[in-house]
Amino acid sequence: MYKIFVTRKIPEAGIKLLKEQGGLQIKISPHDRVLTKKEIIKMGKGSDALLSLLTDTIDGEIMDGIGKQLKIIANYAVGFNNINVPEAKKRGIAVTNTPVPEMSESVAEHTFALLMALAKRIVEADKFTRAKKFQGWSPTLFLGADLINKVLGIVGLGAIGKRVAQMATGSFKMKVLYYDVKRDESFEKECGATFTAMPELLRNSDFVSIHVPLLPSTKYLINDKEFALMKKTAYLINTSRGPIVREKALLKVLKSKKIAGAALDVFECEPAIDCDLSDKLELRKMDNVVITPHTASATNETRNAMSVCAARNIIAASKGEAPPNLVK
């Protein structure tokens, strides 16, 4: 019997697919929370497959604790920075992720929702109105910014970055600059985007949107030096990974009004929204900051597709086949 341990309940579509295969024994954590290392080892011991979440830190100790029979770690996420991939390779354990097309669409839509919330000051205006402060129309009440002809700088032109660029240049007629480790000339022709160096992108963009994976090379990609290049009227949007933006540097430029605002779906010390509690939780209190709880991909369509994708990776491994989403 091929044993599978799922570290936290996921949408039923993937679990149903696993059950339909037959010959698979599925164990799901009864706790709707992040498990400790000891709990993962205890509940996962003897498993052939581990279905982990991005909130699970999977290291060599956990792999050894589960046992030598462990063949695959199927991560329920596009990113896999929570897994020690070199340690898995040493042990001959396959690592997979869930880069479903639905993910690109939902994260891109959420990115644009955050961008528009900043530009139109939606959250500020909502709080104001709920607090019964609205006394009637005023020509200067909550003046925001139009998007047409504004410059959107996209850092990372992967699938999500491309969808954001398409949305921006479509109905909103924005100008798009992008920076990536690889230039994509065919996309430039298709979308009218312009490839540029990072400093130029930061200097010229009205909105800067982050879409890179968290790697050693991208940690603190946006720090003091980068913020110093941005316009005072510019906004930052991050729906990728929290540690790509240095929180202390962001707080500094927001407090000194060196940039106009920020929208964050991810945080450097997640799940904590502020890394340094001594700063009196300033990030949460700022009117020019919009925050969401890592929900950019939180749609039924996307989360079900991810569930099925993780299940298919495990099913392939259980048959001795190469999983379709193998991390290299």
Protein backbone atom coordinates (compact mmCIF):
# COMPACT_ATOMS: atom_id res chain seq x y z
CA MET A 1 0.00 0.00 0.00
CA TYR A 2 1.42 3.38 -1.08
CA LYS A 3 1.08 5.77 1.85
CA ILE A 4 0.45 9.50 1.49
CA PHE A 5 0.54 12.08 4.27
CA VAL A 6 -1.11 15.48 3.71
CA THR A 7 0.09 18.10 6.21
CA ARG A 8 -3.15 20.10 6.17
CA LYS A 9 -6.59 19.77 4.60
CA ILE A 10 -6.64 20.95 0.98
CA PRO A 11 -9.57 21.31 -1.47
CA GLU A 12 -11.34 18.01 -2.00
CA ALA A 13 -10.76 17.76 -5.78
CA GLY A 14 -7.22 16.42 -5.36
CA ILE A 15 -8.08 14.12 -2.46
CA LYS A 16 -10.95 12.68 -4.48
CA LEU A 17 -8.60 11.99 -7.40
CA LEU A 18 -6.18 10.16 -5.10
CA LYS A 19 -8.98 8.06 -3.61
CA GLU A 20 -10.23 7.09 -7.08
CA GLN A 21 -6.85 5.57 -7.97
CA GLY A 22 -7.08 2.72 -5.52
CA GLY A 23 -4.07 1.24 -3.76
CA LEU A 24 -3.30 4.53 -2.06
CA GLN A 25 -3.61 5.09 1.69
CA ILE A 26 -4.26 8.76 2.46
CA LYS A 27 -3.71 10.35 5.85
CA ILE A 28 -4.62 14.00 6.36
CA SER A 29 -3.56 16.01 9.39
CA PRO A 30 -6.56 16.56 11.70
CA HIS A 31 -5.20 19.99 12.65
CA ASP A 32 -6.20 23.03 10.58
CA ARG A 33 -2.91 24.81 11.29
CA VAL A 34 0.78 24.67 10.49
CA LEU A 35 2.34 21.53 12.00
CA THR A 36 5.55 21.50 14.01
CA LYS A 37 8.55 19.55 12.76
CA LYS A 38 7.91 16.82 15.35
CA GLU A 39 4.28 16.52 14.29
CA ILE A 40 5.16 16.17 10.60
CA ILE A 41 7.66 13.42 11.42
CA LYS A 42 5.29 11.62 13.79
CA MET A 43 2.24 11.73 11.50
CA GLY A 44 4.21 11.27 8.29
CA LYS A 45 6.46 8.41 9.44
CA GLY A 46 6.42 5.53 6.97
CA SER A 47 4.86 7.57 4.17
CA ASP A 48 5.89 7.17 0.54
CA ALA A 49 4.58 10.62 -0.37
CA LEU A 50 4.40 13.88 1.54
CA LEU A 51 1.94 16.51 0.34
CA SER A 52 3.25 19.70 1.94
CA LEU A 53 2.14 23.33 1.95
CA LEU A 54 4.23 26.47 1.52
CA THR A 55 3.95 27.04 5.30
CA ASP A 56 5.76 23.75 5.99
CA THR A 57 9.55 23.93 6.25
CA ILE A 58 10.75 20.57 4.98
CA ASP A 59 14.41 19.86 5.73
CA GLY A 60 16.67 16.81 5.78
CA GLU A 61 15.71 15.97 9.37
CA ILE A 62 12.05 15.66 8.40
CA MET A 63 12.92 13.59 5.32
CA ASP A 64 14.97 11.18 7.43
CA GLY A 65 12.33 11.13 10.16
CA ILE A 66 9.64 10.07 7.70
CA GLY A 67 11.91 7.32 6.41
CA LYS A 68 13.96 6.04 3.51
CA GLN A 69 10.83 4.91 1.69
CA LEU A 70 9.84 8.58 1.05
CA LYS A 71 9.77 9.03 -2.72
CA ILE A 72 8.12 12.40 -3.35
CA ILE A 73 7.43 15.73 -1.66
CA ALA A 74 4.52 17.27 -3.55
CA ASN A 75 4.38 20.93 -2.58
CA TYR A 76 0.96 22.57 -2.78
CA ALA A 77 2.39 25.86 -4.10
CA VAL A 78 4.16 27.30 -7.09
CA GLY A 79 7.15 28.30 -4.98
CA PHE A 80 9.28 25.68 -3.23
CA ASN A 81 11.63 27.76 -1.09
CA ASN A 82 10.14 26.00 1.96
CA ILE A 83 11.76 22.72 0.87
CA ASN A 84 15.48 21.92 1.02
CA VAL A 85 15.67 20.66 -2.55
CA PRO A 86 19.41 19.73 -2.46
CA GLU A 87 18.77 17.55 0.63
CA ALA A 88 15.87 15.88 -1.17
CA LYS A 89 18.03 15.19 -4.23
CA LYS A 90 20.72 13.61 -2.03
CA ARG A 91 18.12 11.16 -0.79
CA GLY A 92 16.61 10.50 -4.22
CA ILE A 93 13.33 12.19 -3.28
CA ALA A 94 11.42 13.96 -6.05
CA VAL A 95 10.15 17.48 -5.31
CA THR A 96 7.20 18.87 -7.26
CA ASN A 97 5.15 22.08 -7.31
CA THR A 98 1.79 23.21 -8.71
CA PRO A 99 2.29 25.83 -11.45
CA VAL A 100 -1.29 25.69 -12.74
CA PRO A 101 -2.45 28.26 -15.33
CA GLU A 102 -5.33 29.27 -13.06
CA MET A 103 -2.74 30.53 -10.56
CA SER A 104 -1.33 33.08 -13.01
CA GLU A 105 -4.78 34.44 -13.73
CA SER A 106 -5.96 34.75 -10.13
CA VAL A 107 -2.72 36.29 -8.84
CA ALA A 108 -2.63 38.74 -11.75
CA GLU A 109 -6.24 39.76 -11.05
CA HIS A 110 -5.46 40.21 -7.35
CA THR A 111 -2.39 42.28 -8.24
CA PHE A 112 -4.53 44.59 -10.34
CA ALA A 113 -7.15 44.78 -7.60
CA LEU A 114 -4.45 45.97 -5.20
CA LEU A 115 -3.07 48.41 -7.76
CA MET A 116 -6.50 49.94 -8.29
CA ALA A 117 -7.22 50.03 -4.56
CA LEU A 118 -4.08 52.14 -4.15
CA ALA A 119 -4.71 54.40 -7.13
CA LYS A 120 -8.35 55.04 -6.24
CA ARG A 121 -7.79 55.04 -2.44
CA ILE A 122 -10.56 52.47 -2.04
CA VAL A 123 -9.61 51.21 1.43
CA GLU A 124 -9.15 54.71 2.85
CA ALA A 125 -12.48 55.86 1.44
CA ASP A 126 -14.24 52.74 2.73
CA LYS A 127 -12.96 53.29 6.29
CA PHE A 128 -13.92 56.97 6.10
CA THR A 129 -17.45 56.23 4.95
CA ARG A 130 -18.03 53.44 7.51
CA ALA A 131 -16.87 55.81 10.26
CA LYS A 132 -19.76 58.15 9.27
CA LYS A 133 -17.38 60.94 8.32
CA PHE A 134 -18.91 61.48 4.87
CA GLN A 135 -20.68 64.83 4.90
CA GLY A 136 -21.33 65.15 1.16
CA TRP A 137 -19.47 65.50 -2.12
CA SER A 138 -16.30 67.59 -2.18
CA PRO A 139 -14.05 68.46 -5.14
CA THR A 140 -10.95 67.49 -3.17
CA LEU A 141 -12.16 64.44 -1.23
CA PHE A 142 -9.86 61.39 -1.62
CA LEU A 143 -8.16 62.48 -4.81
CA GLY A 144 -6.48 59.46 -6.37
CA ALA A 145 -4.74 58.74 -9.64
CA ASP A 146 -5.84 57.65 -13.11
CA LEU A 147 -4.13 54.65 -14.68
CA ILE A 148 -4.29 55.64 -18.34
CA ASN A 149 -0.84 56.53 -19.72
CA LYS A 150 0.81 55.76 -16.37
CA VAL A 151 3.93 53.58 -16.31
CA LEU A 152 3.77 50.13 -14.73
CA GLY A 153 7.12 48.52 -13.92
CA ILE A 154 6.98 44.73 -13.73
CA VAL A 155 9.84 42.99 -11.94
CA GLY A 156 9.82 39.39 -13.18
CA LEU A 157 8.16 38.53 -16.49
CA GLY A 158 6.95 35.03 -15.72
CA ALA A 159 3.40 33.84 -16.37
CA ILE A 160 1.93 36.14 -13.70
CA GLY A 161 3.99 39.16 -14.76
CA LYS A 162 2.86 38.67 -18.35
CA ARG A 163 -0.82 38.56 -17.41
CA VAL A 164 -0.44 41.73 -15.34
CA ALA A 165 1.23 43.40 -18.34
CA GLN A 166 -1.59 42.30 -20.65
CA MET A 167 -4.21 43.73 -18.30
CA ALA A 168 -2.30 46.99 -17.98
CA THR A 169 -1.80 47.59 -21.70
CA GLY A 170 -5.32 46.46 -22.60
CA SER A 171 -8.23 48.39 -21.20
CA PHE A 172 -6.10 50.70 -19.05
CA LYS A 173 -3.68 51.78 -21.82
CA MET A 174 -0.74 51.82 -19.42
CA LYS A 175 2.87 51.81 -20.55
CA VAL A 176 4.75 48.74 -19.33
CA LEU A 177 8.42 48.47 -18.47
CA TYR A 178 9.77 45.11 -17.36
CA TYR A 179 12.93 43.67 -15.90
CA ASP A 180 13.80 39.98 -15.95
CA VAL A 181 16.92 37.85 -16.12
CA LYS A 182 15.87 37.00 -19.69
CA ARG A 183 14.55 39.34 -22.33
CA ASP A 184 11.36 38.26 -24.16
CA GLU A 185 11.28 40.05 -27.48
CA SER A 186 8.23 38.17 -28.76
CA PHE A 187 6.22 39.32 -25.73
CA GLU A 188 7.46 42.87 -26.27
CA LYS A 189 5.95 42.81 -29.77
CA GLU A 190 2.73 41.21 -28.55
CA CYS A 191 2.15 43.51 -25.57
CA GLY A 192 4.16 46.64 -26.33
CA ALA A 193 6.24 46.14 -23.17
CA THR A 194 9.76 47.55 -22.94
CA PHE A 195 12.70 45.66 -21.46
CA THR A 196 14.84 47.82 -19.19
CA ALA A 197 17.45 47.64 -16.46
CA MET A 198 16.18 47.57 -12.90
CA PRO A 199 17.37 51.10 -11.95
CA GLU A 200 15.65 52.61 -15.00
CA LEU A 201 12.45 50.72 -14.26
CA LEU A 202 12.38 52.05 -10.70
CA ARG A 203 13.12 55.63 -11.76
CA ASN A 204 10.41 55.75 -14.40
CA SER A 205 7.52 53.70 -13.02
CA ASP A 206 4.38 55.05 -11.37
CA PHE A 207 3.58 51.55 -10.09
CA VAL A 208 6.13 48.79 -9.41
CA SER A 209 4.78 45.24 -9.21
CA ILE A 210 6.92 42.33 -7.97
CA HIS A 211 6.63 38.89 -9.63
CA VAL A 212 9.85 36.99 -8.95
CA PRO A 213 10.38 33.76 -6.97
CA LEU A 214 12.14 33.87 -3.63
CA LEU A 215 15.73 32.77 -4.23
CA PRO A 216 19.02 33.73 -2.55
CA SER A 217 19.50 36.19 -5.42
CA THR A 218 16.09 37.84 -4.95
CA LYS A 219 15.98 38.17 -1.16
CA TYR A 220 15.84 41.93 -0.38
CA LEU A 221 15.79 42.69 -4.09
CA ILE A 222 13.90 45.83 -3.07
CA ASN A 223 15.87 47.56 -0.33
CA ASP A 224 17.06 51.07 0.61
CA LYS A 225 18.98 51.61 -2.63
CA GLU A 226 16.05 50.58 -4.78
CA PHE A 227 13.50 52.67 -2.88
CA ALA A 228 15.77 55.70 -3.26
CA LEU A 229 15.36 55.44 -7.03
CA MET A 230 11.56 55.44 -7.02
CA LYS A 231 9.35 58.48 -7.59
CA LYS A 232 7.70 60.10 -4.58
CA THR A 233 4.38 59.52 -6.34
CA ALA A 234 5.07 55.82 -7.03
CA TYR A 235 3.39 52.79 -5.47
CA LEU A 236 4.81 49.32 -4.73
CA ILE A 237 2.76 46.11 -5.08
CA ASN A 238 4.06 42.74 -3.87
CA THR A 239 2.13 39.51 -4.48
CA SER A 240 5.18 37.24 -4.81
CA ARG A 241 7.07 36.50 -1.58
CA GLY A 242 7.55 38.75 1.46
CA PRO A 243 11.35 38.66 1.89
CA ILE A 244 11.88 40.07 -1.60
CA VAL A 245 11.07 43.47 -0.05
CA ARG A 246 13.03 44.59 3.05
CA GLU A 247 10.33 45.62 5.49
CA LYS A 248 12.47 48.12 7.42
CA ALA A 249 13.37 49.88 4.19
CA LEU A 250 9.71 49.97 3.14
CA LEU A 251 8.62 51.41 6.49
CA LYS A 252 11.30 54.08 6.23
CA VAL A 253 10.20 55.36 2.81
CA LEU A 254 6.51 55.22 3.71
CA LYS A 255 7.03 57.23 6.91
CA SER A 256 9.20 59.81 5.15
CA LYS A 257 6.77 59.92 2.19
CA LYS A 258 9.54 58.99 -0.26
CA ILE A 259 6.96 56.81 -2.07
CA ALA A 260 3.18 57.26 -2.21
CA GLY A 261 2.10 53.89 -0.86
CA ALA A 262 2.27 50.11 -0.99
CA ALA A 263 0.00 47.08 -1.36
CA LEU A 264 1.16 43.79 0.12
CA ASP A 265 -0.27 40.28 -0.04
CA VAL A 266 2.91 38.78 1.44
CA PHE A 267 5.16 39.78 4.32
CA GLU A 268 8.82 39.41 5.20
CA CYS A 269 8.20 37.65 8.55
CA GLU A 270 4.91 35.99 7.59
CA PRO A 271 2.55 35.21 9.23
CA ALA A 272 3.61 38.25 11.28
CA ILE A 273 2.71 41.43 9.43
CA ASP A 274 5.44 43.38 11.20
CA CYS A 275 8.89 41.85 11.76
CA ASP A 276 9.83 44.28 14.51
CA LEU A 277 7.12 44.64 17.16
CA SER A 278 8.96 47.64 18.59
CA ASP A 279 7.81 49.74 15.63
CA LYS A 280 4.27 49.78 17.12
CA LEU A 281 2.83 47.86 14.17
CA GLU A 282 3.09 50.94 11.96
CA LEU A 283 2.65 49.03 8.72
CA ARG A 284 -0.88 48.00 9.69
CA LYS A 285 -1.86 51.52 10.72
CA MET A 286 -0.83 53.40 7.57
CA ASP A 287 -3.68 54.68 5.41
CA ASN A 288 -1.57 54.47 2.25
CA VAL A 289 -0.90 50.74 2.74
CA VAL A 290 -3.31 48.02 1.56
CA ILE A 291 -2.73 44.56 3.02
CA THR A 292 -4.29 41.18 2.27
CA PRO A 293 -3.47 37.87 4.06
CA HIS A 294 -1.60 35.96 1.30
CA THR A 295 -4.82 35.43 -0.64
CA ALA A 296 -3.78 36.39 -4.17
CA SER A 297 -4.43 32.84 -5.40
CA ALA A 298 -7.45 32.27 -3.14
CA THR A 299 -10.11 31.39 -5.68
CA ASN A 300 -12.05 28.14 -5.92
CA GLU A 301 -10.78 27.59 -9.45
CA THR A 302 -7.11 28.02 -8.58
CA ARG A 303 -7.00 26.16 -5.28
CA ASN A 304 -8.89 23.18 -6.75
CA ALA A 305 -6.56 23.11 -9.75
CA MET A 306 -3.55 23.14 -7.40
CA SER A 307 -5.06 20.27 -5.43
CA VAL A 308 -5.51 18.18 -8.57
CA CYS A 309 -2.01 19.06 -9.78
CA ALA A 310 -0.41 17.92 -6.50
CA ALA A 311 -2.44 14.69 -6.66
CA ARG A 312 -1.31 13.99 -10.23
CA ASN A 313 2.32 14.45 -9.22
CA ILE A 314 1.87 11.88 -6.44
CA ILE A 315 -0.03 9.44 -8.67
CA ALA A 316 2.78 9.53 -11.25
CA ALA A 317 5.39 8.86 -8.55
CA SER A 318 3.32 5.98 -7.14
CA LYS A 319 3.47 4.33 -10.58
CA GLY A 320 7.21 4.81 -10.85
CA GLU A 321 6.77 7.54 -13.47
CA ALA A 322 8.38 11.00 -13.58
CA PRO A 323 5.97 13.51 -11.99
CA PRO A 324 4.77 16.17 -14.48
CA ASN A 325 5.86 19.13 -12.31
CA LEU A 326 9.27 18.01 -11.14
CA VAL A 327 11.42 20.76 -9.61
CA LYS A 328 14.88 20.65 -11.17
